[in-house]
N, C-alpha and C. Protein backbone atom coordinates (compact mmCIF):
# COMPACT_ATOMS: atom_id res chain seq x y z
N MET A 1 114.19 93.67 110.63
CA MET A 1 113.81 94.73 109.72
C MET A 1 112.51 95.36 110.18
N ASN A 2 112.51 96.65 110.37
CA ASN A 2 111.29 97.35 110.77
C ASN A 2 110.62 97.94 109.54
N THR A 3 109.42 97.49 109.30
CA THR A 3 108.64 97.99 108.18
C THR A 3 107.93 99.26 108.61
N VAL A 4 108.00 100.28 107.78
CA VAL A 4 107.31 101.53 108.06
C VAL A 4 105.94 101.45 107.39
N LYS A 5 104.92 101.81 108.16
CA LYS A 5 103.57 101.73 107.63
C LYS A 5 103.15 103.09 107.08
N PRO A 6 102.71 103.11 105.82
CA PRO A 6 102.21 104.37 105.25
C PRO A 6 100.94 104.84 105.97
N ASP A 7 100.65 106.11 105.86
CA ASP A 7 99.46 106.72 106.46
C ASP A 7 98.24 106.34 105.62
N LEU A 8 97.30 105.64 106.21
CA LEU A 8 96.12 105.19 105.47
C LEU A 8 94.99 106.21 105.45
N SER A 9 95.19 107.34 106.09
CA SER A 9 94.14 108.36 106.08
C SER A 9 94.12 109.10 104.74
N VAL A 10 95.12 108.83 103.91
CA VAL A 10 95.18 109.41 102.55
C VAL A 10 95.29 108.26 101.56
N PRO A 11 94.91 108.48 100.31
CA PRO A 11 95.02 107.40 99.32
C PRO A 11 96.47 106.90 99.20
N ILE A 12 96.60 105.59 99.03
CA ILE A 12 97.92 104.98 98.93
C ILE A 12 98.01 104.14 97.66
N THR A 13 99.23 103.83 97.29
CA THR A 13 99.47 103.00 96.10
C THR A 13 99.43 101.52 96.47
N LYS A 14 99.48 100.69 95.46
CA LYS A 14 99.52 99.25 95.66
C LYS A 14 100.79 98.86 96.44
N ASN A 15 101.92 99.49 96.10
CA ASN A 15 103.18 99.22 96.81
C ASN A 15 103.09 99.64 98.27
N ASP A 16 102.42 100.76 98.53
CA ASP A 16 102.21 101.19 99.92
C ASP A 16 101.41 100.14 100.68
N TRP A 17 100.40 99.58 100.01
CA TRP A 17 99.57 98.57 100.67
C TRP A 17 100.39 97.33 101.03
N VAL A 18 101.31 96.96 100.18
CA VAL A 18 102.19 95.83 100.47
C VAL A 18 102.96 96.11 101.77
N GLN A 19 103.39 97.35 101.96
CA GLN A 19 104.08 97.75 103.19
C GLN A 19 103.15 97.66 104.40
N VAL A 20 101.90 98.04 104.22
CA VAL A 20 100.93 97.98 105.32
C VAL A 20 100.76 96.53 105.77
N GLU A 21 100.57 95.62 104.82
CA GLU A 21 100.43 94.21 105.15
C GLU A 21 101.67 93.69 105.87
N ALA A 22 102.83 94.02 105.33
CA ALA A 22 104.09 93.57 105.95
C ALA A 22 104.22 94.12 107.36
N TYR A 23 103.83 95.36 107.56
CA TYR A 23 103.91 95.99 108.88
C TYR A 23 103.06 95.22 109.89
N TYR A 24 101.79 94.99 109.56
CA TYR A 24 100.92 94.30 110.52
C TYR A 24 101.34 92.85 110.75
N ILE A 25 101.76 92.18 109.72
CA ILE A 25 102.24 90.80 109.89
C ILE A 25 103.46 90.79 110.80
N GLN A 26 104.36 91.73 110.59
CA GLN A 26 105.56 91.82 111.43
C GLN A 26 105.21 92.17 112.88
N GLU A 27 104.35 93.15 113.06
CA GLU A 27 104.00 93.59 114.42
C GLU A 27 103.26 92.50 115.19
N ILE A 28 102.31 91.86 114.55
CA ILE A 28 101.56 90.78 115.22
C ILE A 28 102.49 89.61 115.52
N GLY A 29 103.35 89.28 114.57
CA GLY A 29 104.29 88.18 114.76
C GLY A 29 105.27 88.43 115.89
N ALA A 30 105.56 89.69 116.17
CA ALA A 30 106.53 90.04 117.22
C ALA A 30 105.90 90.00 118.62
N ILE A 31 104.59 89.90 118.68
CA ILE A 31 103.91 89.84 119.99
C ILE A 31 103.61 88.39 120.32
N ASN A 32 104.46 87.84 121.16
CA ASN A 32 104.31 86.43 121.55
C ASN A 32 103.86 86.35 123.00
N ILE A 33 102.92 85.48 123.23
CA ILE A 33 102.44 85.25 124.59
C ILE A 33 103.22 84.05 125.13
N PRO A 34 103.96 84.24 126.21
CA PRO A 34 104.74 83.13 126.77
C PRO A 34 103.86 81.95 127.16
N GLU A 35 104.44 80.77 127.14
CA GLU A 35 103.71 79.54 127.51
C GLU A 35 103.15 79.64 128.93
N ASP A 36 103.95 80.13 129.83
CA ASP A 36 103.54 80.27 131.22
C ASP A 36 103.77 81.73 131.64
N PRO A 37 102.85 82.63 131.23
CA PRO A 37 103.09 84.06 131.45
C PRO A 37 103.04 84.46 132.93
N LYS A 38 103.88 85.39 133.25
CA LYS A 38 103.90 86.00 134.58
C LYS A 38 103.08 87.29 134.50
N PRO A 39 102.69 87.85 135.64
CA PRO A 39 101.89 89.08 135.61
C PRO A 39 102.51 90.19 134.75
N PHE A 40 103.84 90.35 134.84
CA PHE A 40 104.50 91.37 134.02
C PHE A 40 104.33 91.08 132.54
N ASP A 41 104.44 89.80 132.17
CA ASP A 41 104.28 89.42 130.76
C ASP A 41 102.88 89.81 130.26
N ILE A 42 101.89 89.54 131.08
CA ILE A 42 100.51 89.82 130.68
C ILE A 42 100.30 91.31 130.48
N THR A 43 100.77 92.13 131.42
CA THR A 43 100.57 93.58 131.28
C THR A 43 101.37 94.13 130.10
N SER A 44 102.57 93.63 129.91
CA SER A 44 103.42 94.11 128.83
C SER A 44 102.82 93.75 127.46
N VAL A 45 102.44 92.49 127.30
CA VAL A 45 101.87 92.04 126.03
C VAL A 45 100.52 92.73 125.80
N ASN A 46 99.73 92.86 126.84
CA ASN A 46 98.43 93.51 126.70
C ASN A 46 98.60 94.96 126.25
N SER A 47 99.58 95.64 126.78
CA SER A 47 99.84 97.03 126.39
C SER A 47 100.20 97.11 124.91
N ARG A 48 101.05 96.21 124.44
CA ARG A 48 101.44 96.19 123.03
C ARG A 48 100.24 95.85 122.13
N LEU A 49 99.43 94.89 122.56
CA LEU A 49 98.25 94.52 121.78
C LEU A 49 97.24 95.67 121.71
N GLU A 50 97.07 96.35 122.83
CA GLU A 50 96.12 97.47 122.86
C GLU A 50 96.57 98.58 121.90
N LYS A 51 97.85 98.90 121.93
CA LYS A 51 98.39 99.94 121.03
C LYS A 51 98.19 99.52 119.57
N LEU A 52 98.52 98.28 119.25
CA LEU A 52 98.37 97.80 117.88
C LEU A 52 96.90 97.73 117.47
N TYR A 53 96.04 97.33 118.39
CA TYR A 53 94.61 97.26 118.09
C TYR A 53 94.06 98.63 117.71
N HIS A 54 94.42 99.65 118.49
CA HIS A 54 93.92 100.99 118.19
C HIS A 54 94.43 101.49 116.83
N GLU A 55 95.67 101.22 116.54
CA GLU A 55 96.23 101.61 115.25
C GLU A 55 95.50 100.88 114.11
N ALA A 56 95.30 99.58 114.28
CA ALA A 56 94.62 98.78 113.25
C ALA A 56 93.16 99.19 113.11
N ARG A 57 92.54 99.56 114.21
CA ARG A 57 91.13 99.96 114.17
C ARG A 57 90.96 101.22 113.32
N TYR A 58 91.86 102.19 113.52
CA TYR A 58 91.81 103.40 112.70
C TYR A 58 92.09 103.07 111.23
N ASP A 59 93.06 102.23 110.99
CA ASP A 59 93.37 101.85 109.60
C ASP A 59 92.20 101.10 108.96
N TYR A 60 91.52 100.28 109.75
CA TYR A 60 90.33 99.61 109.25
C TYR A 60 89.26 100.64 108.89
N LEU A 61 89.10 101.64 109.73
CA LEU A 61 88.14 102.70 109.45
C LEU A 61 88.47 103.40 108.13
N TYR A 62 89.74 103.74 107.93
CA TYR A 62 90.14 104.41 106.70
C TYR A 62 89.89 103.52 105.48
N MET A 63 90.23 102.25 105.58
CA MET A 63 90.02 101.34 104.45
C MET A 63 88.54 101.10 104.21
N SER A 64 87.75 101.00 105.27
CA SER A 64 86.30 100.80 105.12
C SER A 64 85.67 102.01 104.45
N ARG A 65 86.10 103.18 104.86
CA ARG A 65 85.57 104.43 104.27
C ARG A 65 85.93 104.47 102.78
N ALA A 66 87.16 104.17 102.44
CA ALA A 66 87.59 104.18 101.04
C ALA A 66 86.80 103.13 100.24
N TYR A 67 86.63 101.94 100.84
CA TYR A 67 85.88 100.88 100.16
C TYR A 67 84.43 101.30 99.93
N ASP A 68 83.82 101.92 100.93
CA ASP A 68 82.43 102.38 100.78
C ASP A 68 82.32 103.40 99.65
N ASN A 69 83.29 104.30 99.55
CA ASN A 69 83.28 105.29 98.46
C ASN A 69 83.43 104.61 97.11
N ILE A 70 84.33 103.64 97.01
CA ILE A 70 84.53 102.91 95.76
C ILE A 70 83.28 102.09 95.42
N ASP A 71 82.70 101.46 96.44
CA ASP A 71 81.49 100.67 96.23
C ASP A 71 80.36 101.55 95.70
N SER A 72 80.22 102.73 96.27
CA SER A 72 79.20 103.67 95.81
C SER A 72 79.46 104.08 94.36
N ALA A 73 80.71 104.40 94.05
CA ALA A 73 81.07 104.78 92.69
C ALA A 73 80.84 103.61 91.73
N TYR A 74 81.17 102.42 92.19
CA TYR A 74 80.98 101.20 91.38
C TYR A 74 79.50 101.03 91.02
N ARG A 75 78.63 101.18 92.02
CA ARG A 75 77.20 101.02 91.76
C ARG A 75 76.67 102.12 90.85
N LYS A 76 77.14 103.35 91.05
CA LYS A 76 76.71 104.46 90.19
C LYS A 76 77.18 104.26 88.76
N LEU A 77 78.40 103.78 88.61
CA LEU A 77 78.94 103.54 87.28
C LEU A 77 78.16 102.42 86.58
N LYS A 78 77.76 101.42 87.33
CA LYS A 78 76.94 100.35 86.76
C LYS A 78 75.63 100.92 86.21
N ARG A 79 75.01 101.83 87.00
CA ARG A 79 73.76 102.45 86.53
C ARG A 79 74.02 103.33 85.31
N ALA A 80 75.14 104.05 85.31
CA ALA A 80 75.45 104.92 84.18
C ALA A 80 75.71 104.12 82.91
N LEU A 81 76.25 102.93 83.06
CA LEU A 81 76.56 102.10 81.89
C LEU A 81 75.38 101.23 81.44
N TRP A 82 74.33 101.21 82.21
CA TRP A 82 73.18 100.35 81.89
C TRP A 82 72.66 100.54 80.47
N PRO A 83 72.57 101.78 79.96
CA PRO A 83 72.07 101.94 78.58
C PRO A 83 72.92 101.20 77.54
N LEU A 84 74.19 101.01 77.83
CA LEU A 84 75.05 100.30 76.88
C LEU A 84 74.74 98.81 76.79
N VAL A 85 74.13 98.26 77.82
CA VAL A 85 73.92 96.81 77.84
C VAL A 85 72.45 96.41 77.83
N LYS A 86 71.55 97.36 77.83
CA LYS A 86 70.14 96.98 77.92
C LYS A 86 69.62 96.32 76.65
N ALA A 87 70.46 96.23 75.63
CA ALA A 87 70.07 95.53 74.41
C ALA A 87 70.20 94.02 74.56
N GLY A 88 70.72 93.56 75.70
CA GLY A 88 70.84 92.13 75.94
C GLY A 88 69.48 91.45 75.90
N LYS A 89 69.46 90.16 75.54
CA LYS A 89 68.21 89.43 75.36
C LYS A 89 67.43 89.21 76.65
N ASN A 90 68.16 89.00 77.76
CA ASN A 90 67.50 88.76 79.04
C ASN A 90 68.35 89.34 80.17
N ALA A 91 67.84 89.27 81.38
CA ALA A 91 68.53 89.87 82.53
C ALA A 91 69.92 89.27 82.74
N GLU A 92 70.02 87.96 82.55
CA GLU A 92 71.32 87.30 82.74
C GLU A 92 72.34 87.79 81.72
N GLU A 93 71.93 87.90 80.48
CA GLU A 93 72.85 88.38 79.44
C GLU A 93 73.23 89.84 79.68
N ARG A 94 72.26 90.66 80.09
CA ARG A 94 72.55 92.07 80.37
C ARG A 94 73.53 92.19 81.53
N ASP A 95 73.33 91.38 82.55
CA ASP A 95 74.25 91.41 83.70
C ASP A 95 75.65 90.98 83.27
N HIS A 96 75.74 89.95 82.46
CA HIS A 96 77.03 89.48 81.95
C HIS A 96 77.72 90.57 81.12
N LEU A 97 76.96 91.24 80.26
CA LEU A 97 77.52 92.32 79.45
C LEU A 97 78.02 93.47 80.33
N LEU A 98 77.25 93.78 81.35
CA LEU A 98 77.64 94.86 82.26
C LEU A 98 78.91 94.50 83.01
N GLN A 99 78.98 93.28 83.55
CA GLN A 99 80.18 92.84 84.27
C GLN A 99 81.40 92.84 83.35
N SER A 100 81.21 92.36 82.13
CA SER A 100 82.31 92.36 81.16
C SER A 100 82.79 93.78 80.89
N HIS A 101 81.84 94.68 80.73
CA HIS A 101 82.19 96.07 80.47
C HIS A 101 82.96 96.67 81.65
N LEU A 102 82.51 96.38 82.86
CA LEU A 102 83.18 96.90 84.06
C LEU A 102 84.57 96.30 84.23
N LEU A 103 84.74 95.06 83.83
CA LEU A 103 86.05 94.41 83.93
C LEU A 103 87.03 94.89 82.87
N LEU A 104 86.52 95.13 81.67
CA LEU A 104 87.40 95.41 80.54
C LEU A 104 87.60 96.90 80.25
N THR A 105 86.70 97.74 80.74
CA THR A 105 86.81 99.17 80.45
C THR A 105 87.57 99.86 81.57
N THR A 106 88.67 100.48 81.20
CA THR A 106 89.45 101.21 82.20
C THR A 106 88.87 102.61 82.38
N LEU A 107 89.13 103.17 83.54
CA LEU A 107 88.56 104.47 83.88
C LEU A 107 88.94 105.57 82.90
N ASP A 108 90.12 105.47 82.32
CA ASP A 108 90.55 106.50 81.37
C ASP A 108 89.79 106.42 80.04
N LYS A 109 89.00 105.35 79.85
CA LYS A 109 88.22 105.19 78.61
C LYS A 109 86.75 105.61 78.80
N ILE A 110 86.38 105.95 80.02
CA ILE A 110 85.01 106.36 80.33
C ILE A 110 84.93 107.87 80.23
N GLU A 111 83.76 108.36 79.94
CA GLU A 111 83.53 109.80 79.85
C GLU A 111 84.17 110.50 81.06
N PRO A 112 85.11 111.41 80.82
CA PRO A 112 85.84 112.06 81.93
C PRO A 112 84.92 112.73 82.95
N ALA A 113 83.80 113.29 82.51
CA ALA A 113 82.89 113.96 83.44
C ALA A 113 82.29 112.95 84.43
N ILE A 114 82.00 111.75 83.96
CA ILE A 114 81.44 110.71 84.84
C ILE A 114 82.49 110.29 85.86
N VAL A 115 83.70 110.05 85.38
CA VAL A 115 84.79 109.61 86.26
C VAL A 115 85.05 110.68 87.33
N LYS A 116 85.10 111.92 86.91
CA LYS A 116 85.35 113.02 87.86
C LYS A 116 84.21 113.15 88.86
N ALA A 117 82.97 113.05 88.38
CA ALA A 117 81.80 113.17 89.26
C ALA A 117 81.79 112.07 90.33
N LEU A 118 82.31 110.91 89.98
CA LEU A 118 82.36 109.80 90.92
C LEU A 118 83.55 109.90 91.87
N GLY A 119 84.43 110.85 91.63
CA GLY A 119 85.60 111.02 92.49
C GLY A 119 86.66 109.97 92.26
N LEU A 120 86.69 109.42 91.05
CA LEU A 120 87.66 108.38 90.73
C LEU A 120 88.82 108.97 89.94
N PRO A 121 89.96 108.30 89.99
CA PRO A 121 91.10 108.78 89.20
C PRO A 121 90.93 108.39 87.73
N ASN A 122 91.40 109.23 86.85
CA ASN A 122 91.34 108.95 85.42
C ASN A 122 92.59 108.16 85.04
N ILE A 123 92.56 106.85 85.35
CA ILE A 123 93.73 105.99 85.17
C ILE A 123 93.37 104.75 84.35
N PRO A 124 94.36 104.09 83.78
CA PRO A 124 94.07 102.90 82.97
C PRO A 124 93.85 101.63 83.80
N VAL A 125 92.92 101.70 84.72
CA VAL A 125 92.55 100.57 85.58
C VAL A 125 91.03 100.50 85.61
N SER A 126 90.48 99.30 85.63
CA SER A 126 89.02 99.17 85.67
C SER A 126 88.50 99.43 87.08
N ILE A 127 87.27 99.92 87.14
CA ILE A 127 86.63 100.16 88.44
C ILE A 127 86.52 98.84 89.21
N TYR A 128 86.31 97.76 88.49
CA TYR A 128 86.19 96.46 89.14
C TYR A 128 87.50 96.08 89.85
N THR A 129 88.62 96.36 89.20
CA THR A 129 89.93 96.08 89.80
C THR A 129 90.13 96.89 91.08
N ILE A 130 89.75 98.16 91.02
CA ILE A 130 89.87 99.02 92.20
C ILE A 130 88.95 98.51 93.31
N TYR A 131 87.72 98.19 92.94
CA TYR A 131 86.72 97.69 93.89
C TYR A 131 87.23 96.43 94.59
N GLU A 132 87.72 95.46 93.82
CA GLU A 132 88.23 94.21 94.40
C GLU A 132 89.45 94.47 95.28
N GLY A 133 90.31 95.39 94.85
CA GLY A 133 91.50 95.71 95.64
C GLY A 133 91.14 96.27 97.00
N TYR A 134 90.18 97.17 97.05
CA TYR A 134 89.78 97.74 98.34
C TYR A 134 89.03 96.73 99.19
N LYS A 135 88.29 95.84 98.56
CA LYS A 135 87.61 94.78 99.33
C LYS A 135 88.66 93.90 100.01
N GLU A 136 89.72 93.56 99.29
CA GLU A 136 90.80 92.76 99.87
C GLU A 136 91.47 93.49 101.03
N ARG A 137 91.63 94.80 100.91
CA ARG A 137 92.23 95.59 101.99
C ARG A 137 91.37 95.57 103.24
N VAL A 138 90.07 95.74 103.05
CA VAL A 138 89.15 95.70 104.19
C VAL A 138 89.19 94.32 104.84
N ASP A 139 89.18 93.27 104.03
CA ASP A 139 89.25 91.90 104.56
C ASP A 139 90.53 91.68 105.35
N PHE A 140 91.66 92.20 104.84
CA PHE A 140 92.93 92.06 105.56
C PHE A 140 92.86 92.76 106.91
N MET A 141 92.30 93.96 106.93
CA MET A 141 92.23 94.70 108.19
C MET A 141 91.28 94.01 109.18
N LYS A 142 90.20 93.42 108.70
CA LYS A 142 89.31 92.64 109.57
C LYS A 142 90.07 91.47 110.18
N ALA A 143 90.82 90.76 109.35
CA ALA A 143 91.60 89.61 109.83
C ALA A 143 92.64 90.07 110.85
N THR A 144 93.27 91.20 110.61
CA THR A 144 94.25 91.75 111.55
C THR A 144 93.60 92.02 112.89
N LEU A 145 92.44 92.66 112.89
CA LEU A 145 91.73 92.94 114.14
C LEU A 145 91.33 91.64 114.84
N ASP A 146 90.91 90.65 114.08
CA ASP A 146 90.54 89.35 114.65
C ASP A 146 91.73 88.68 115.34
N ILE A 147 92.89 88.72 114.68
CA ILE A 147 94.08 88.09 115.26
C ILE A 147 94.48 88.80 116.55
N ILE A 148 94.44 90.12 116.54
CA ILE A 148 94.77 90.88 117.75
C ILE A 148 93.77 90.54 118.86
N SER A 149 92.49 90.47 118.52
CA SER A 149 91.46 90.12 119.52
C SER A 149 91.67 88.71 120.05
N ASP A 150 92.06 87.78 119.18
CA ASP A 150 92.32 86.41 119.63
C ASP A 150 93.47 86.38 120.64
N LYS A 151 94.52 87.11 120.34
CA LYS A 151 95.66 87.16 121.27
C LYS A 151 95.24 87.80 122.59
N THR A 152 94.43 88.84 122.52
CA THR A 152 93.94 89.50 123.73
C THR A 152 93.08 88.53 124.54
N GLY A 153 92.26 87.76 123.86
CA GLY A 153 91.42 86.77 124.55
C GLY A 153 92.26 85.73 125.25
N ARG A 154 93.34 85.33 124.62
CA ARG A 154 94.24 84.35 125.25
C ARG A 154 94.87 84.95 126.50
N LEU A 155 95.22 86.22 126.44
CA LEU A 155 95.79 86.88 127.62
C LEU A 155 94.78 86.91 128.77
N ILE A 156 93.54 87.19 128.44
CA ILE A 156 92.49 87.23 129.46
C ILE A 156 92.34 85.86 130.10
N THR A 157 92.35 84.83 129.27
CA THR A 157 92.25 83.46 129.78
C THR A 157 93.44 83.14 130.68
N ASP A 158 94.65 83.48 130.23
CA ASP A 158 95.85 83.23 131.03
C ASP A 158 95.80 83.99 132.35
N SER A 159 95.34 85.22 132.29
CA SER A 159 95.25 86.04 133.50
C SER A 159 94.26 85.42 134.50
N GLY A 160 93.13 84.96 133.97
CA GLY A 160 92.14 84.31 134.84
C GLY A 160 92.69 83.03 135.44
N ALA A 161 93.41 82.25 134.66
CA ALA A 161 94.02 81.01 135.17
C ALA A 161 95.03 81.32 136.26
N MET A 162 95.82 82.39 136.07
CA MET A 162 96.80 82.78 137.09
C MET A 162 96.11 83.15 138.40
N LYS A 163 94.98 83.86 138.31
CA LYS A 163 94.25 84.26 139.52
C LYS A 163 93.72 83.02 140.25
N ILE A 164 93.21 82.06 139.49
CA ILE A 164 92.69 80.83 140.11
C ILE A 164 93.84 80.07 140.77
N GLU A 165 94.97 79.96 140.06
CA GLU A 165 96.13 79.26 140.63
C GLU A 165 96.61 79.92 141.92
N SER A 166 96.62 81.26 141.91
CA SER A 166 97.11 81.96 143.12
C SER A 166 96.16 81.75 144.29
N ARG A 167 94.85 81.67 144.03
CA ARG A 167 93.88 81.43 145.09
C ARG A 167 94.00 80.01 145.65
N LEU A 168 94.20 79.06 144.71
CA LEU A 168 94.33 77.67 145.14
C LEU A 168 95.64 77.42 145.87
N GLY A 169 96.67 78.16 145.49
CA GLY A 169 97.99 77.97 146.09
C GLY A 169 98.10 78.66 147.45
N SER A 170 97.21 79.59 147.79
CA SER A 170 97.33 80.30 149.06
C SER A 170 96.77 79.52 150.21
């Protein structure tokens, strides 16, 4: 089954993200480094890894950019909501009240002008949920890049071992 990956340069849904994860898991899983690779195996696998790395790098960029925008909106919203919680007895209680408010208040319940100014959708989801979701996406893309880099490193090691073997065998 070939999973089609949605375009991450535009906002995507939660279901689209599930497809993105499935796509990368499938693509990485399909790239196997043979136990005893031949020169053709190394160049072929390296070419596939390079193509996938570049694709994942761009997707990481898109997710990082989206996460940074959400993080900025999250921090601004925290400051905007501060007057609602400054009645807390101490800093710890105020922080707890603010976190509770961010967790329990959905964007559609916040002043529409604030939500619009932050560039957020007016939907029944909390900013905290969106923030955590994008953080998970960035973490997944980092892990994807790490796995691709690990496989590339193994290829480099195998290639170096082949060169040493060929020198010793001559």
